[in-house]
Amino acid sequence: MSETSENRTTLAAETLRAHCQALPEAAGVSAGDAAQTVDVFLQAEMMGEESHGLRLFCQIVERVRADGDKAETKIEILKARPSAEHWDAGRSLGQVTPARAMTRAVEMARETGVGLVWACATAIRLRRPNTIPCSPPMPE
């Protein structure tokens, strides 16, 4: 269902989700990773955070098409401890890697009482995440 006013068209969330999910899938992203990515941006859009909503989603799709972000999420574990892991996400989608990291951190926390995953976005192994630096690098 859609509704059109003079300057704006409103679509049902599920309609928009389906259309959006088809874009990264056409660029080679798996259905699951495409759904995770769309969910992040659609949730922001529906909460009124247009600056972090679908406007940015188009940029992500273009980066995948240009081979800047990788369509396939391949995570290499650089270092592992019982309660912490350091990952190289190899330029995987920045909406997929944190979701996987959180799942893994929760698994470790269930086993040891605490879980931490440090995920770097780039294969050249810069010692910082793809965000504003706010935490120290994981110890060797």
N, C-alpha and C. Protein backbone atom coordinates (compact mmCIF):
# COMPACT_ATOMS: atom_id res chain seq x y z
N MET A 1 0.84 -1.17 0.00
CA MET A 1 0.00 0.00 0.00
C MET A 1 0.89 1.24 0.00
N SER A 2 0.52 2.23 -0.79
CA SER A 2 1.25 3.48 -0.78
C SER A 2 0.29 4.65 -0.75
N GLU A 3 0.81 5.77 -0.29
CA GLU A 3 0.01 6.98 -0.17
C GLU A 3 0.85 8.12 -0.72
N THR A 4 0.28 8.94 -1.56
CA THR A 4 1.04 10.03 -2.18
C THR A 4 0.43 11.36 -1.80
N SER A 5 1.28 12.29 -1.38
CA SER A 5 0.84 13.66 -1.16
C SER A 5 1.57 14.50 -2.20
N GLU A 6 1.50 15.80 -2.10
CA GLU A 6 2.08 16.68 -3.10
C GLU A 6 3.59 16.45 -3.26
N ASN A 7 4.32 16.28 -2.17
CA ASN A 7 5.78 16.16 -2.25
C ASN A 7 6.33 14.85 -1.71
N ARG A 8 5.48 13.95 -1.28
CA ARG A 8 5.98 12.76 -0.59
C ARG A 8 5.11 11.55 -0.91
N THR A 9 5.79 10.40 -1.08
CA THR A 9 5.09 9.14 -1.24
C THR A 9 5.42 8.28 -0.03
N THR A 10 4.41 7.71 0.58
CA THR A 10 4.60 6.86 1.75
C THR A 10 4.31 5.42 1.36
N LEU A 11 5.26 4.52 1.67
CA LEU A 11 5.10 3.10 1.39
C LEU A 11 5.01 2.33 2.69
N ALA A 12 4.32 1.21 2.67
CA ALA A 12 4.30 0.32 3.82
C ALA A 12 5.72 -0.21 4.03
N ALA A 13 6.11 -0.42 5.28
CA ALA A 13 7.48 -0.85 5.59
C ALA A 13 7.84 -2.15 4.86
N GLU A 14 6.94 -3.10 4.81
CA GLU A 14 7.25 -4.39 4.16
C GLU A 14 7.45 -4.23 2.66
N THR A 15 6.69 -3.33 2.03
CA THR A 15 6.86 -3.06 0.61
C THR A 15 8.23 -2.45 0.36
N LEU A 16 8.57 -1.47 1.16
CA LEU A 16 9.87 -0.82 1.03
C LEU A 16 11.00 -1.80 1.31
N ARG A 17 10.85 -2.62 2.33
CA ARG A 17 11.86 -3.63 2.68
C ARG A 17 12.13 -4.56 1.49
N ALA A 18 11.08 -5.05 0.88
CA ALA A 18 11.23 -5.98 -0.25
C ALA A 18 11.96 -5.32 -1.41
N HIS A 19 11.59 -4.09 -1.72
CA HIS A 19 12.26 -3.38 -2.82
C HIS A 19 13.72 -3.13 -2.49
N CYS A 20 13.98 -2.69 -1.27
CA CYS A 20 15.36 -2.41 -0.86
C CYS A 20 16.21 -3.67 -0.83
N GLN A 21 15.66 -4.76 -0.34
CA GLN A 21 16.45 -5.99 -0.23
C GLN A 21 16.89 -6.49 -1.60
N ALA A 22 16.11 -6.24 -2.61
CA ALA A 22 16.46 -6.70 -3.96
C ALA A 22 17.72 -6.00 -4.48
N LEU A 23 18.01 -4.80 -4.02
CA LEU A 23 19.16 -4.05 -4.54
C LEU A 23 20.51 -4.67 -4.15
N PRO A 24 20.79 -4.91 -2.87
CA PRO A 24 22.07 -5.56 -2.56
C PRO A 24 22.14 -6.99 -3.07
N GLU A 25 21.01 -7.68 -3.09
CA GLU A 25 21.01 -9.04 -3.63
C GLU A 25 21.43 -9.03 -5.10
N ALA A 26 20.97 -8.04 -5.86
CA ALA A 26 21.36 -7.93 -7.27
C ALA A 26 22.85 -7.63 -7.41
N ALA A 27 23.45 -7.07 -6.37
CA ALA A 27 24.89 -6.78 -6.38
C ALA A 27 25.71 -7.94 -5.83
N GLY A 28 25.07 -9.07 -5.50
CA GLY A 28 25.78 -10.25 -5.06
C GLY A 28 25.77 -10.53 -3.58
N VAL A 29 25.07 -9.72 -2.80
CA VAL A 29 24.98 -9.92 -1.35
C VAL A 29 23.96 -11.02 -1.08
N SER A 30 24.28 -11.91 -0.12
CA SER A 30 23.34 -12.99 0.22
C SER A 30 22.03 -12.42 0.75
N ALA A 31 20.98 -13.20 0.66
CA ALA A 31 19.66 -12.75 1.12
C ALA A 31 19.69 -12.39 2.61
N GLY A 32 20.36 -13.21 3.42
CA GLY A 32 20.43 -12.93 4.86
C GLY A 32 21.19 -11.65 5.17
N ASP A 33 22.33 -11.46 4.51
CA ASP A 33 23.11 -10.24 4.74
C ASP A 33 22.39 -9.00 4.19
N ALA A 34 21.70 -9.17 3.07
CA ALA A 34 20.93 -8.05 2.51
C ALA A 34 19.81 -7.67 3.48
N ALA A 35 19.13 -8.66 4.04
CA ALA A 35 18.04 -8.39 4.99
C ALA A 35 18.57 -7.67 6.23
N GLN A 36 19.71 -8.12 6.75
CA GLN A 36 20.31 -7.48 7.93
C GLN A 36 20.64 -6.02 7.63
N THR A 37 21.21 -5.77 6.47
CA THR A 37 21.60 -4.42 6.09
C THR A 37 20.38 -3.52 5.92
N VAL A 38 19.38 -4.01 5.22
CA VAL A 38 18.16 -3.24 5.02
C VAL A 38 17.49 -2.94 6.36
N ASP A 39 17.44 -3.91 7.24
CA ASP A 39 16.79 -3.71 8.54
C ASP A 39 17.41 -2.55 9.31
N VAL A 40 18.74 -2.44 9.28
CA VAL A 40 19.41 -1.35 10.00
C VAL A 40 18.96 0.01 9.48
N PHE A 41 18.99 0.17 8.17
CA PHE A 41 18.65 1.47 7.60
C PHE A 41 17.16 1.75 7.64
N LEU A 42 16.34 0.74 7.45
CA LEU A 42 14.90 0.93 7.49
C LEU A 42 14.44 1.27 8.91
N GLN A 43 15.04 0.64 9.90
CA GLN A 43 14.69 0.96 11.29
C GLN A 43 15.02 2.42 11.60
N ALA A 44 16.19 2.87 11.17
CA ALA A 44 16.57 4.27 11.39
C ALA A 44 15.57 5.20 10.70
N GLU A 45 15.22 4.88 9.49
CA GLU A 45 14.27 5.71 8.72
C GLU A 45 12.92 5.77 9.43
N MET A 46 12.45 4.63 9.91
CA MET A 46 11.13 4.58 10.56
C MET A 46 11.13 5.29 11.91
N MET A 47 12.32 5.43 12.51
CA MET A 47 12.43 6.16 13.78
C MET A 47 12.62 7.66 13.54
N GLY A 48 12.64 8.06 12.27
CA GLY A 48 12.79 9.47 11.95
C GLY A 48 14.24 9.93 11.85
N GLU A 49 15.17 9.00 11.89
CA GLU A 49 16.60 9.33 11.78
C GLU A 49 17.00 9.25 10.32
N GLU A 50 16.47 10.17 9.51
CA GLU A 50 16.73 10.12 8.08
C GLU A 50 18.21 10.25 7.74
N SER A 51 18.98 10.91 8.60
CA SER A 51 20.41 11.06 8.33
C SER A 51 21.13 9.71 8.37
N HIS A 52 20.54 8.72 9.06
CA HIS A 52 21.13 7.40 9.14
C HIS A 52 20.21 6.34 8.53
N GLY A 53 19.28 6.79 7.72
CA GLY A 53 18.30 5.90 7.13
C GLY A 53 18.62 5.49 5.71
N LEU A 54 17.60 5.39 4.92
CA LEU A 54 17.73 4.86 3.56
C LEU A 54 18.60 5.72 2.66
N ARG A 55 18.79 6.96 3.01
CA ARG A 55 19.69 7.83 2.25
C ARG A 55 21.09 7.20 2.19
N LEU A 56 21.54 6.63 3.28
CA LEU A 56 22.85 5.99 3.33
C LEU A 56 22.84 4.60 2.69
N PHE A 57 21.70 3.96 2.70
CA PHE A 57 21.58 2.63 2.12
C PHE A 57 22.02 2.61 0.67
N CYS A 58 21.63 3.62 -0.09
CA CYS A 58 22.00 3.69 -1.50
C CYS A 58 23.53 3.76 -1.66
N GLN A 59 24.19 4.45 -0.75
CA GLN A 59 25.65 4.53 -0.80
C GLN A 59 26.28 3.16 -0.56
N ILE A 60 25.71 2.40 0.36
CA ILE A 60 26.22 1.05 0.65
C ILE A 60 26.11 0.17 -0.59
N VAL A 61 24.96 0.21 -1.24
CA VAL A 61 24.77 -0.60 -2.45
C VAL A 61 25.77 -0.20 -3.52
N GLU A 62 26.00 1.09 -3.68
CA GLU A 62 26.97 1.55 -4.68
C GLU A 62 28.39 1.13 -4.32
N ARG A 63 28.73 1.12 -3.04
CA ARG A 63 30.07 0.68 -2.64
C ARG A 63 30.26 -0.81 -2.92
N VAL A 64 29.22 -1.60 -2.74
CA VAL A 64 29.31 -3.02 -3.07
C VAL A 64 29.49 -3.18 -4.58
N ARG A 65 28.72 -2.46 -5.34
CA ARG A 65 28.83 -2.55 -6.80
C ARG A 65 30.22 -2.13 -7.29
N ALA A 66 30.83 -1.18 -6.61
CA ALA A 66 32.16 -0.70 -6.99
C ALA A 66 33.29 -1.54 -6.37
N ASP A 67 32.92 -2.60 -5.63
CA ASP A 67 33.87 -3.49 -4.96
C ASP A 67 34.66 -2.80 -3.85
N GLY A 68 34.06 -1.77 -3.27
CA GLY A 68 34.66 -1.14 -2.09
C GLY A 68 34.30 -1.93 -0.85
N ASP A 69 33.00 -2.14 -0.65
CA ASP A 69 32.53 -3.08 0.38
C ASP A 69 32.36 -4.41 -0.33
N LYS A 70 32.66 -5.48 0.37
CA LYS A 70 32.56 -6.81 -0.23
C LYS A 70 31.15 -7.37 -0.09
N ALA A 71 30.68 -8.01 -1.16
CA ALA A 71 29.34 -8.58 -1.15
C ALA A 71 29.25 -9.78 -0.20
N GLU A 72 30.33 -10.53 -0.09
CA GLU A 72 30.33 -11.71 0.77
C GLU A 72 31.02 -11.37 2.09
N THR A 73 30.37 -11.71 3.19
CA THR A 73 30.95 -11.47 4.50
C THR A 73 31.88 -12.61 4.86
N LYS A 74 33.17 -12.31 4.88
CA LYS A 74 34.20 -13.29 5.25
C LYS A 74 34.95 -12.73 6.45
N ILE A 75 34.82 -13.38 7.57
CA ILE A 75 35.46 -12.91 8.79
C ILE A 75 36.63 -13.83 9.12
N GLU A 76 37.79 -13.22 9.31
CA GLU A 76 38.98 -13.96 9.73
C GLU A 76 39.23 -13.65 11.20
N ILE A 77 39.36 -14.69 12.00
CA ILE A 77 39.67 -14.49 13.43
C ILE A 77 41.18 -14.36 13.55
N LEU A 78 41.63 -13.16 13.91
CA LEU A 78 43.06 -12.89 14.03
C LEU A 78 43.62 -13.39 15.35
N LYS A 79 42.85 -13.27 16.40
CA LYS A 79 43.28 -13.69 17.73
C LYS A 79 42.04 -14.08 18.52
N ALA A 80 42.16 -15.15 19.27
CA ALA A 80 41.02 -15.61 20.05
C ALA A 80 41.46 -15.97 21.46
N ARG A 81 40.66 -15.56 22.40
CA ARG A 81 40.81 -15.90 23.81
C ARG A 81 39.43 -16.41 24.26
N PRO A 82 39.34 -17.02 25.43
CA PRO A 82 38.04 -17.52 25.86
C PRO A 82 36.94 -16.45 25.93
N SER A 83 37.32 -15.21 26.26
CA SER A 83 36.32 -14.15 26.41
C SER A 83 36.46 -13.03 25.38
N ALA A 84 37.40 -13.15 24.45
CA ALA A 84 37.62 -12.06 23.49
C ALA A 84 38.15 -12.60 22.17
N GLU A 85 37.72 -11.95 21.09
CA GLU A 85 38.24 -12.27 19.77
C GLU A 85 38.51 -10.98 19.01
N HIS A 86 39.52 -11.03 18.15
CA HIS A 86 39.85 -9.92 17.26
C HIS A 86 39.61 -10.41 15.84
N TRP A 87 38.73 -9.71 15.13
CA TRP A 87 38.34 -10.12 13.79
C TRP A 87 38.83 -9.14 12.75
N ASP A 88 39.14 -9.67 11.57
CA ASP A 88 39.32 -8.87 10.36
C ASP A 88 38.10 -9.15 9.50
N ALA A 89 37.27 -8.16 9.31
CA ALA A 89 36.03 -8.34 8.55
C ALA A 89 36.22 -8.19 7.05
N GLY A 90 37.44 -7.88 6.62
CA GLY A 90 37.75 -7.88 5.20
C GLY A 90 36.86 -7.01 4.34
N ARG A 91 36.53 -5.82 4.82
CA ARG A 91 35.68 -4.87 4.09
C ARG A 91 34.27 -5.42 3.85
N SER A 92 33.83 -6.28 4.76
CA SER A 92 32.45 -6.78 4.70
C SER A 92 31.48 -5.65 5.06
N LEU A 93 30.22 -5.88 4.82
CA LEU A 93 29.21 -4.87 5.12
C LEU A 93 29.22 -4.50 6.59
N GLY A 94 29.24 -3.22 6.86
CA GLY A 94 29.33 -2.71 8.22
C GLY A 94 28.07 -2.86 9.04
N GLN A 95 27.02 -3.38 8.46
CA GLN A 95 25.79 -3.65 9.21
C GLN A 95 25.72 -5.12 9.58
N VAL A 96 26.43 -5.96 8.85
CA VAL A 96 26.40 -7.41 9.07
C VAL A 96 27.43 -7.81 10.13
N THR A 97 28.64 -7.30 9.99
CA THR A 97 29.73 -7.68 10.91
C THR A 97 29.39 -7.40 12.37
N PRO A 98 28.87 -6.21 12.73
CA PRO A 98 28.54 -5.98 14.14
C PRO A 98 27.46 -6.93 14.67
N ALA A 99 26.50 -7.29 13.84
CA ALA A 99 25.46 -8.22 14.28
C ALA A 99 26.08 -9.58 14.59
N ARG A 100 26.99 -10.02 13.74
CA ARG A 100 27.67 -11.31 13.98
C ARG A 100 28.58 -11.20 15.20
N ALA A 101 29.24 -10.06 15.35
CA ALA A 101 30.13 -9.86 16.50
C ALA A 101 29.33 -9.90 17.80
N MET A 102 28.17 -9.28 17.80
CA MET A 102 27.33 -9.29 19.01
C MET A 102 26.88 -10.70 19.34
N THR A 103 26.48 -11.45 18.33
CA THR A 103 26.07 -12.83 18.56
C THR A 103 27.22 -13.64 19.16
N ARG A 104 28.42 -13.46 18.62
CA ARG A 104 29.58 -14.19 19.13
C ARG A 104 29.94 -13.73 20.55
N ALA A 105 29.86 -12.44 20.81
CA ALA A 105 30.17 -11.92 22.15
C ALA A 105 29.20 -12.49 23.18
N VAL A 106 27.93 -12.60 22.83
CA VAL A 106 26.94 -13.17 23.74
C VAL A 106 27.25 -14.65 24.00
N GLU A 107 27.65 -15.38 22.95
CA GLU A 107 28.04 -16.79 23.14
C GLU A 107 29.20 -16.90 24.13
N MET A 108 30.23 -16.07 23.96
CA MET A 108 31.37 -16.11 24.86
C MET A 108 30.96 -15.73 26.28
N ALA A 109 30.10 -14.73 26.40
CA ALA A 109 29.64 -14.29 27.72
C ALA A 109 28.87 -15.40 28.43
N ARG A 110 28.10 -16.16 27.70
CA ARG A 110 27.38 -17.28 28.31
C ARG A 110 28.35 -18.34 28.85
N GLU A 111 29.48 -18.48 28.16
CA GLU A 111 30.47 -19.49 28.58
C GLU A 111 31.39 -19.00 29.69
N THR A 112 31.79 -17.71 29.64
CA THR A 112 32.83 -17.23 30.55
C THR A 112 32.40 -16.09 31.45
N GLY A 113 31.23 -15.52 31.20
CA GLY A 113 30.77 -14.39 32.00
C GLY A 113 30.98 -13.04 31.33
N VAL A 114 31.84 -12.99 30.31
CA VAL A 114 32.08 -11.76 29.57
C VAL A 114 32.46 -12.13 28.14
N GLY A 115 32.08 -11.28 27.19
CA GLY A 115 32.43 -11.52 25.79
C GLY A 115 32.71 -10.22 25.08
N LEU A 116 33.79 -10.19 24.31
CA LEU A 116 34.19 -8.99 23.56
C LEU A 116 34.67 -9.42 22.19
N VAL A 117 34.20 -8.75 21.16
CA VAL A 117 34.71 -8.96 19.81
C VAL A 117 35.16 -7.61 19.29
N TRP A 118 36.42 -7.56 18.86
CA TRP A 118 37.00 -6.36 18.26
C TRP A 118 37.07 -6.65 16.78
N ALA A 119 36.30 -5.93 15.97
CA ALA A 119 36.24 -6.19 14.53
C ALA A 119 36.81 -5.02 13.76
N CYS A 120 37.85 -5.29 12.99
CA CYS A 120 38.41 -4.29 12.08
C CYS A 120 37.72 -4.47 10.74
N ALA A 121 37.50 -3.37 10.06
CA ALA A 121 36.76 -3.41 8.80
C ALA A 121 37.64 -3.68 7.60
N THR A 122 38.92 -3.53 7.73
CA THR A 122 39.78 -3.58 6.55
C THR A 122 40.80 -4.69 6.59
N ALA A 123 41.07 -5.25 5.45
CA ALA A 123 42.01 -6.36 5.34
C ALA A 123 43.46 -5.92 5.54
N ILE A 124 43.74 -4.63 5.56
CA ILE A 124 45.13 -4.21 5.78
C ILE A 124 45.44 -4.10 7.27
N ARG A 125 44.49 -4.49 8.07
CA ARG A 125 44.64 -4.63 9.52
C ARG A 125 45.07 -3.36 10.24
N LEU A 126 44.38 -2.30 9.93
CA LEU A 126 44.54 -1.11 10.75
C LEU A 126 44.05 -1.46 12.14
N ARG A 127 44.67 -0.92 13.13
CA ARG A 127 44.33 -1.30 14.50
C ARG A 127 43.22 -0.41 15.07
N ARG A 128 42.18 -0.17 14.29
CA ARG A 128 41.04 0.58 14.77
C ARG A 128 39.80 0.15 14.01
N PRO A 129 38.63 0.33 14.60
CA PRO A 129 37.40 -0.03 13.90
C PRO A 129 37.05 1.03 12.86
N ASN A 130 35.99 0.80 12.14
CA ASN A 130 35.53 1.72 11.11
C ASN A 130 34.61 2.78 11.73
N THR A 131 35.04 3.33 12.87
CA THR A 131 34.28 4.35 13.58
C THR A 131 35.27 5.33 14.18
N ILE A 132 34.77 6.29 14.93
CA ILE A 132 35.64 7.20 15.65
C ILE A 132 36.42 6.39 16.69
N PRO A 133 37.75 6.49 16.71
CA PRO A 133 38.50 5.70 17.69
C PRO A 133 38.08 6.07 19.11
N CYS A 134 37.64 5.08 19.87
CA CYS A 134 37.19 5.37 21.24
C CYS A 134 37.59 4.26 22.20
N SER A 135 38.27 3.26 21.73
CA SER A 135 38.72 2.21 22.63
C SER A 135 40.10 1.73 22.19
N PRO A 136 40.89 1.22 23.11
CA PRO A 136 42.25 0.81 22.79
C PRO A 136 42.25 -0.45 21.93
N PRO A 137 43.35 -0.67 21.20
CA PRO A 137 43.45 -1.92 20.45
C PRO A 137 43.47 -3.13 21.35
N MET A 138 43.05 -4.25 20.83
CA MET A 138 43.06 -5.49 21.59
C MET A 138 44.51 -5.89 21.84
N PRO A 139 44.88 -6.25 23.07
CA PRO A 139 46.25 -6.63 23.36
C PRO A 139 46.70 -7.84 22.57
N GLU A 140 47.98 -7.86 22.23
CA GLU A 140 48.57 -9.01 21.52
C GLU A 140 48.61 -10.21 22.41
